[in-house]
Amino acid sequence: MKLGIISDLRNPQHPRFHRPWVQHYHEFLDLMVQLEDLGFEEVVFPEHHFEPDGYLPNPIPMMTAVAIKTKKMLVGADLFRLPDWHPVRLAEDVAMVDILSNGRVLFKAGAGGPCPPISAGLGWNPRRQLSRSAETLHIIKQCWTEEVFDWEGQHYHLKGVRAMPKPVQQPHPSIFMPAQTPKAMDRNAREGYGATQGAGRWTFEREHLGWWKHWHQEWEAALARYGRTAHECPVSAFFPLFCTHDPERAWATYKDGVLHVTHAYAGLAERPLLPETPKELPHWDKVFLTPDQMVQLLRGILEGAAPDHFLLWDTKPGMTYEDSYAFHKLFAEEVWPKIKDLT
């Protein structure tokens, strides 16, 4: 497994949570340099738009900044919301970052969840979200692999497209897409894409933690149907975990930030802001764990079904970067050596 970070760089306006934006971004970049020294090998960024807390609207600048600041860290999105992009512009931007990083880009992309404010604000029809996403990805791949091409599709009509320069990685950076359903697993296995999965954005969001091994068995079956190997189609998964010697104190300090994330996702999907209290969140008691507790938990979840890329969230709203570094340093020193070789 490769160890990495996922960050949405939320920065809510409430005085309890907020940092000046310049400080927020620059201290994050300093944290990535520190985490690389601890053995973290990648960082990826989600993408949203129009969120009051400043959820990262564009992964490309942060991917570029991390690539320049670090020596070997892989960089990517998790994930690019394909309907929100013009495919040629996204293909060109990703190729440029791949060149600047000398081939360190991971391309994780998908349709994104149903977020009415995003489709309304960017002016595309949410009923055509999946077809728009599929067409965008086809065009991006042609940008990376063909010298000049025309495209006549449902959403785009393009003439004389010459996307230059091409990515360093040939034929293109590794592609990951979500694979939560049997249909999506089949698509990924057929096309040779990796799978990007989430074990939780605020806590472990599913009641039964055995879902991961069940999903992994279905994924392996899909690969076998299309003659694919795990090396060809790797799995990436992110986990909402922080390692500390004092979980009770950490939860008391940061529980409101965890609940903020829950409510922010509910608001974007135009759902009620539930639950009302942090302790109503599923598995709230597993966000902050001691090293021994975390080793036991992760062995139970991952043994026999380990992802190729294991990602931790960088912070929660209100969490200092100093605390984030301390949590992840403890994980790297006392947890990772005991689970990194799981298969």
Protein backbone atom coordinates (compact mmCIF):
# COMPACT_ATOMS: atom_id res chain seq x y z
CA MET A 1 0.00 0.00 0.00
CA LYS A 2 0.99 3.60 -0.64
CA LEU A 3 0.21 6.05 2.17
CA GLY A 4 -1.35 9.36 1.22
CA ILE A 5 -3.48 12.36 2.15
CA ILE A 6 -6.80 13.66 0.88
CA SER A 7 -7.69 17.31 1.51
CA ASP A 8 -10.69 19.47 0.59
CA LEU A 9 -9.14 22.55 2.25
CA ARG A 10 -12.40 23.68 3.82
CA ASN A 11 -12.02 26.87 5.84
CA PRO A 12 -15.39 27.84 7.38
CA GLN A 13 -15.97 31.50 8.17
CA HIS A 14 -16.86 30.90 11.84
CA PRO A 15 -14.09 32.43 14.01
CA ARG A 16 -13.63 29.11 15.78
CA PHE A 17 -12.61 27.47 12.51
CA HIS A 18 -11.30 30.15 10.14
CA ARG A 19 -7.73 30.98 9.15
CA PRO A 20 -6.75 33.79 6.74
CA TRP A 21 -6.77 32.21 3.27
CA VAL A 22 -3.11 32.91 2.51
CA GLN A 23 -2.09 31.32 5.82
CA HIS A 24 -4.49 28.42 5.25
CA TYR A 25 -3.04 27.43 1.88
CA HIS A 26 0.62 28.11 2.66
CA GLU A 27 0.58 26.18 5.93
CA PHE A 28 -1.09 23.28 4.13
CA LEU A 29 1.77 23.19 1.61
CA ASP A 30 4.29 23.23 4.46
CA LEU A 31 2.40 20.29 6.01
CA MET A 32 2.74 18.30 2.78
CA VAL A 33 6.51 18.78 2.83
CA GLN A 34 6.60 17.57 6.43
CA LEU A 35 4.40 14.56 5.68
CA GLU A 36 6.55 13.56 2.72
CA ASP A 37 9.49 13.41 5.12
CA LEU A 38 7.41 10.99 7.26
CA GLY A 39 6.83 8.67 4.30
CA PHE A 40 3.53 9.90 2.86
CA GLU A 41 3.65 9.31 -0.88
CA GLU A 42 0.68 11.15 -2.39
CA VAL A 43 -1.91 13.87 -1.92
CA VAL A 44 -5.25 14.21 -3.71
CA PHE A 45 -7.95 16.88 -3.70
CA PRO A 46 -11.72 16.68 -4.09
CA GLU A 47 -13.55 19.34 -6.10
CA HIS A 48 -16.77 21.23 -5.29
CA HIS A 49 -18.16 24.64 -6.15
CA PHE A 50 -20.15 27.37 -4.39
CA GLU A 51 -19.67 26.02 -0.85
CA PRO A 52 -19.68 28.73 1.85
CA ASP A 53 -16.68 27.17 3.61
CA GLY A 54 -14.45 27.46 0.55
CA TYR A 55 -14.25 23.74 -0.30
CA LEU A 56 -11.55 23.53 -2.97
CA PRO A 57 -13.10 24.53 -6.34
CA ASN A 58 -10.15 23.51 -8.51
CA PRO A 59 -7.56 20.80 -7.71
CA ILE A 60 -5.15 21.88 -10.48
CA PRO A 61 -3.42 24.80 -8.66
CA MET A 62 -2.92 22.77 -5.48
CA MET A 63 -1.67 19.75 -7.44
CA THR A 64 0.86 22.02 -9.12
CA ALA A 65 1.94 23.68 -5.88
CA VAL A 66 2.46 20.35 -4.09
CA ALA A 67 4.35 18.94 -7.07
CA ILE A 68 6.73 21.90 -7.00
CA LYS A 69 7.17 21.86 -3.19
CA THR A 70 7.77 18.11 -2.82
CA LYS A 71 10.30 15.70 -4.29
CA LYS A 72 8.38 12.54 -5.09
CA MET A 73 4.78 12.95 -3.94
CA LEU A 74 2.13 11.78 -6.37
CA VAL A 75 -0.57 14.41 -6.92
CA GLY A 76 -4.14 14.23 -8.16
CA ALA A 77 -7.80 14.94 -7.60
CA ASP A 78 -10.20 12.64 -5.81
CA LEU A 79 -12.06 13.34 -7.86
CA PHE A 80 -12.38 15.72 -10.80
CA ARG A 81 -16.09 16.34 -11.36
CA LEU A 82 -16.14 15.68 -15.10
CA PRO A 83 -19.45 17.43 -15.94
CA ASP A 84 -18.06 20.69 -14.50
CA TRP A 85 -15.12 20.83 -16.93
CA HIS A 86 -14.58 21.45 -20.61
CA PRO A 87 -12.76 18.25 -21.56
CA VAL A 88 -10.03 19.84 -23.65
CA ARG A 89 -9.14 22.34 -20.95
CA LEU A 90 -8.99 19.64 -18.27
CA ALA A 91 -6.84 17.40 -20.49
CA GLU A 92 -4.44 20.27 -21.14
CA ASP A 93 -4.23 21.27 -17.47
CA VAL A 94 -3.58 17.73 -16.26
CA ALA A 95 -0.93 17.20 -18.94
CA MET A 96 0.85 20.36 -17.80
CA VAL A 97 0.89 19.21 -14.17
CA ASP A 98 2.19 15.80 -15.27
CA ILE A 99 5.06 17.56 -17.05
CA LEU A 100 5.84 19.92 -14.17
CA SER A 101 5.86 16.97 -11.74
CA ASN A 102 7.80 14.70 -14.13
CA GLY A 103 5.06 12.09 -14.32
CA ARG A 104 3.57 12.13 -10.81
CA VAL A 105 -0.12 12.69 -11.66
CA LEU A 106 -2.95 10.31 -10.73
CA PHE A 107 -6.15 11.04 -12.71
CA LYS A 108 -9.19 10.28 -10.55
CA ALA A 109 -12.45 11.43 -12.08
CA GLY A 110 -16.18 10.79 -12.16
CA ALA A 111 -19.62 12.26 -12.58
CA GLY A 112 -19.71 13.49 -8.98
CA GLY A 113 -22.70 13.23 -6.71
CA PRO A 114 -26.05 14.91 -7.37
CA CYS A 115 -25.40 18.46 -6.18
CA PRO A 116 -28.13 20.78 -7.50
CA PRO A 117 -26.32 24.04 -6.60
CA ILE A 118 -23.30 22.99 -8.68
CA SER A 119 -25.17 22.04 -11.87
CA ALA A 120 -27.37 25.14 -11.54
CA GLY A 121 -24.43 27.47 -10.94
CA LEU A 122 -22.37 26.07 -13.81
CA GLY A 123 -25.33 25.86 -16.15
CA TRP A 124 -25.55 22.21 -17.19
CA ASN A 125 -28.52 19.85 -17.10
CA PRO A 126 -28.28 17.46 -14.13
CA ARG A 127 -30.42 14.90 -15.98
CA ARG A 128 -27.52 14.52 -18.43
CA GLN A 129 -24.84 14.24 -15.78
CA LEU A 130 -23.76 10.66 -16.55
CA SER A 131 -23.70 11.03 -20.34
CA ARG A 132 -21.85 14.34 -20.06
CA SER A 133 -19.30 12.71 -17.76
CA ALA A 134 -18.73 9.72 -20.08
CA GLU A 135 -18.29 11.92 -23.14
CA THR A 136 -15.90 14.23 -21.31
CA LEU A 137 -13.65 11.31 -20.35
CA HIS A 138 -13.58 9.96 -23.92
CA ILE A 139 -12.47 13.36 -25.22
CA ILE A 140 -9.80 13.72 -22.52
CA LYS A 141 -8.28 10.37 -23.47
CA GLN A 142 -8.20 11.37 -27.14
CA CYS A 143 -6.51 14.66 -26.21
CA TRP A 144 -3.75 12.69 -24.52
CA THR A 145 -3.27 10.02 -27.18
CA GLU A 146 -4.06 11.57 -30.60
CA GLU A 147 -2.25 14.34 -32.45
CA VAL A 148 -5.33 15.95 -34.02
CA PHE A 149 -8.97 14.87 -33.92
CA ASP A 150 -12.56 15.96 -34.45
CA TRP A 151 -15.42 15.01 -32.14
CA GLU A 152 -19.15 14.86 -32.79
CA GLY A 153 -21.07 13.90 -29.68
CA GLN A 154 -24.19 14.62 -27.68
CA HIS A 155 -22.60 17.41 -25.64
CA TYR A 156 -19.55 18.57 -27.61
CA HIS A 157 -18.85 19.30 -31.28
CA LEU A 158 -15.14 19.88 -31.69
CA LYS A 159 -12.98 20.46 -34.77
CA GLY A 160 -9.21 20.22 -35.16
CA VAL A 161 -8.38 19.53 -31.51
CA ARG A 162 -4.61 19.43 -30.99
CA ALA A 163 -3.90 19.18 -27.25
CA MET A 164 -0.21 19.91 -26.70
CA PRO A 165 2.04 19.14 -24.96
CA LYS A 166 1.23 15.52 -24.08
CA PRO A 167 1.61 14.07 -20.57
CA VAL A 168 4.93 12.58 -19.50
CA GLN A 169 3.22 9.30 -18.61
CA GLN A 170 2.40 7.31 -21.71
CA PRO A 171 -0.12 6.71 -23.01
CA HIS A 172 -1.54 8.84 -20.18
CA PRO A 173 -1.69 9.10 -16.37
CA SER A 174 -3.38 6.26 -14.50
CA ILE A 175 -7.16 6.67 -14.53
CA PHE A 176 -9.33 5.90 -11.50
CA MET A 177 -13.12 6.14 -11.36
CA PRO A 178 -15.70 5.36 -8.66
CA ALA A 179 -16.81 1.72 -8.60
CA GLN A 180 -19.51 1.45 -5.98
CA THR A 181 -22.05 -0.43 -8.10
CA PRO A 182 -21.72 -3.64 -10.15
CA LYS A 183 -22.26 -1.60 -13.35
CA ALA A 184 -19.45 0.79 -12.43
CA MET A 185 -17.14 -2.10 -11.49
CA ASP A 186 -17.76 -3.67 -14.89
CA ARG A 187 -16.99 -0.39 -16.66
CA ASN A 188 -13.74 0.11 -14.78
CA ALA A 189 -12.60 -3.49 -15.30
CA ARG A 190 -13.52 -3.39 -19.00
CA GLU A 191 -11.69 -0.10 -19.61
CA GLY A 192 -8.73 -0.84 -17.34
CA TYR A 193 -9.44 1.90 -14.79
CA GLY A 194 -8.55 1.79 -11.12
CA ALA A 195 -11.24 2.19 -8.45
CA THR A 196 -11.49 5.16 -6.12
CA GLN A 197 -13.55 4.48 -3.02
CA GLY A 198 -14.38 6.31 0.19
CA ALA A 199 -14.67 4.72 3.61
CA GLY A 200 -15.96 8.03 4.99
CA ARG A 201 -15.79 11.81 4.74
CA TRP A 202 -16.67 12.68 8.35
CA THR A 203 -16.81 9.29 10.12
CA PHE A 204 -17.21 5.74 8.87
CA GLU A 205 -20.57 6.47 7.29
CA ARG A 206 -21.82 2.89 6.94
CA GLU A 207 -23.19 1.02 9.90
CA HIS A 208 -21.50 -2.29 9.07
CA LEU A 209 -17.75 -2.10 8.47
CA GLY A 210 -17.75 -5.48 6.71
CA TRP A 211 -18.99 -3.71 3.57
CA TRP A 212 -15.39 -3.13 2.48
CA LYS A 213 -14.44 -6.81 2.20
CA HIS A 214 -17.72 -7.55 0.43
CA TRP A 215 -17.03 -4.77 -2.08
CA HIS A 216 -13.47 -5.98 -2.58
CA GLN A 217 -14.65 -9.50 -3.43
CA GLU A 218 -17.04 -8.10 -6.04
CA TRP A 219 -14.25 -5.94 -7.45
CA GLU A 220 -11.89 -8.90 -7.80
CA ALA A 221 -14.66 -10.84 -9.55
CA ALA A 222 -15.16 -7.98 -12.02
CA LEU A 223 -11.43 -7.89 -12.79
CA ALA A 224 -11.44 -11.64 -13.38
CA ARG A 225 -14.38 -11.39 -15.83
CA TYR A 226 -12.34 -9.05 -18.03
CA GLY A 227 -8.96 -10.70 -17.55
CA ARG A 228 -7.59 -7.75 -15.60
CA THR A 229 -5.10 -7.82 -12.73
CA ALA A 230 -5.01 -5.76 -9.55
CA HIS A 231 -1.77 -4.22 -10.85
CA GLU A 232 -3.59 -2.94 -13.94
CA CYS A 233 -6.58 -1.67 -11.95
CA PRO A 234 -5.43 -0.52 -8.49
CA VAL A 235 -7.76 0.52 -5.67
CA SER A 236 -7.60 3.81 -3.79
CA ALA A 237 -9.57 4.40 -0.58
CA PHE A 238 -9.74 7.23 1.94
CA PHE A 239 -10.44 6.88 5.68
CA PRO A 240 -11.60 9.47 8.28
CA LEU A 241 -9.09 8.53 10.98
CA PHE A 242 -6.72 10.42 13.27
CA CYS A 243 -4.21 8.74 15.56
CA THR A 244 -3.72 10.11 19.07
CA HIS A 245 -2.81 9.00 22.57
CA ASP A 246 -5.86 10.88 23.90
CA PRO A 247 -8.94 10.17 21.72
CA GLU A 248 -11.36 11.62 24.28
CA ARG A 249 -9.63 14.99 24.32
CA ALA A 250 -9.25 15.08 20.53
CA TRP A 251 -12.94 14.29 20.00
CA ALA A 252 -13.99 16.98 22.47
CA THR A 253 -11.78 19.51 20.67
CA TYR A 254 -12.75 18.73 17.08
CA LYS A 255 -16.20 17.11 17.16
CA ASP A 256 -17.92 20.30 15.98
CA GLY A 257 -15.66 20.41 12.93
CA VAL A 258 -16.58 16.81 12.13
CA LEU A 259 -20.27 17.68 12.35
CA HIS A 260 -19.72 20.73 10.14
CA VAL A 261 -18.46 18.48 7.33
CA THR A 262 -21.53 16.26 7.68
CA HIS A 263 -23.88 19.22 7.46
CA ALA A 264 -21.98 20.78 4.56
CA TYR A 265 -22.42 17.66 2.41
CA ALA A 266 -26.09 17.47 3.36
CA GLY A 267 -26.59 21.11 2.43
CA LEU A 268 -24.94 20.70 -0.96
CA ALA A 269 -27.27 17.79 -1.73
CA GLU A 270 -30.22 19.85 -0.44
CA ARG A 271 -30.96 17.38 2.36
CA PRO A 272 -31.84 18.14 6.01
CA LEU A 273 -28.85 18.99 8.22
CA LEU A 274 -28.79 15.74 10.16
CA PRO A 275 -27.79 14.44 12.62
CA GLU A 276 -28.12 17.31 15.04
CA THR A 277 -25.27 16.33 17.38
CA PRO A 278 -21.80 14.84 16.82
CA LYS A 279 -22.51 11.74 18.92
CA GLU A 280 -25.37 10.80 16.59
CA LEU A 281 -22.87 10.26 13.76
CA PRO A 282 -22.29 6.59 12.92
CA HIS A 283 -19.00 5.33 14.37
CA TRP A 284 -18.21 8.75 15.88
CA ASP A 285 -16.03 6.93 18.43
CA LYS A 286 -13.66 5.71 15.70
CA VAL A 287 -12.56 9.09 14.28
CA PHE A 288 -9.82 9.46 16.93
CA LEU A 289 -8.11 6.27 18.08
CA THR A 290 -4.94 5.23 19.89
CA PRO A 291 -2.30 3.45 17.80
CA ASP A 292 -3.25 0.02 19.17
CA GLN A 293 -6.96 0.64 18.58
CA MET A 294 -6.29 1.80 15.04
CA VAL A 295 -4.11 -1.17 14.17
CA GLN A 296 -6.81 -3.54 15.41
CA LEU A 297 -9.56 -1.69 13.51
CA LEU A 298 -7.68 -1.48 10.22
CA ARG A 299 -6.49 -5.06 10.30
CA GLY A 300 -10.09 -6.15 10.74
CA ILE A 301 -11.26 -4.04 7.81
CA LEU A 302 -8.37 -4.49 5.39
CA GLU A 303 -6.83 -7.92 5.92
CA GLY A 304 -7.30 -9.84 2.67
CA ALA A 305 -8.72 -6.73 1.00
CA ALA A 306 -6.06 -4.03 1.28
CA PRO A 307 -6.26 -1.08 -1.15
CA ASP A 308 -3.22 -0.10 -3.18
CA HIS A 309 -3.53 3.53 -2.07
CA PHE A 310 -4.51 4.21 1.56
CA LEU A 311 -5.46 7.84 2.21
CA LEU A 312 -6.14 9.79 5.41
CA TRP A 313 -7.92 13.14 5.61
CA ASP A 314 -5.49 15.94 6.41
CA THR A 315 -7.64 17.85 8.94
CA LYS A 316 -11.17 18.66 10.02
CA PRO A 317 -12.46 22.25 10.32
CA GLY A 318 -10.83 23.99 13.25
CA MET A 319 -7.94 21.51 13.46
CA THR A 320 -4.56 23.17 13.59
CA TYR A 321 -1.94 22.01 11.15
CA GLU A 322 0.32 21.37 14.14
CA ASP A 323 -2.20 18.88 15.52
CA SER A 324 -2.70 17.37 12.09
CA TYR A 325 1.03 16.76 11.79
CA ALA A 326 1.17 15.22 15.26
CA PHE A 327 -1.76 12.87 14.50
CA HIS A 328 -0.26 11.73 11.21
CA LYS A 329 3.27 11.43 12.60
CA LEU A 330 1.95 9.08 15.26
CA PHE A 331 0.13 7.08 12.58
CA ALA A 332 3.25 6.86 10.40
CA GLU A 333 5.43 5.73 13.29
CA GLU A 334 3.16 3.38 15.25
CA VAL A 335 0.37 2.21 12.94
CA TRP A 336 1.64 2.17 9.37
CA PRO A 337 4.56 -0.24 9.95
CA LYS A 338 2.04 -2.80 11.31
CA ILE A 339 -0.46 -2.62 8.43
CA LYS A 340 1.41 -1.44 5.30
CA ASP A 341 2.17 -4.96 4.10
CA LEU A 342 -1.44 -6.21 4.33
CA THR A 343 -2.70 -7.74 1.09
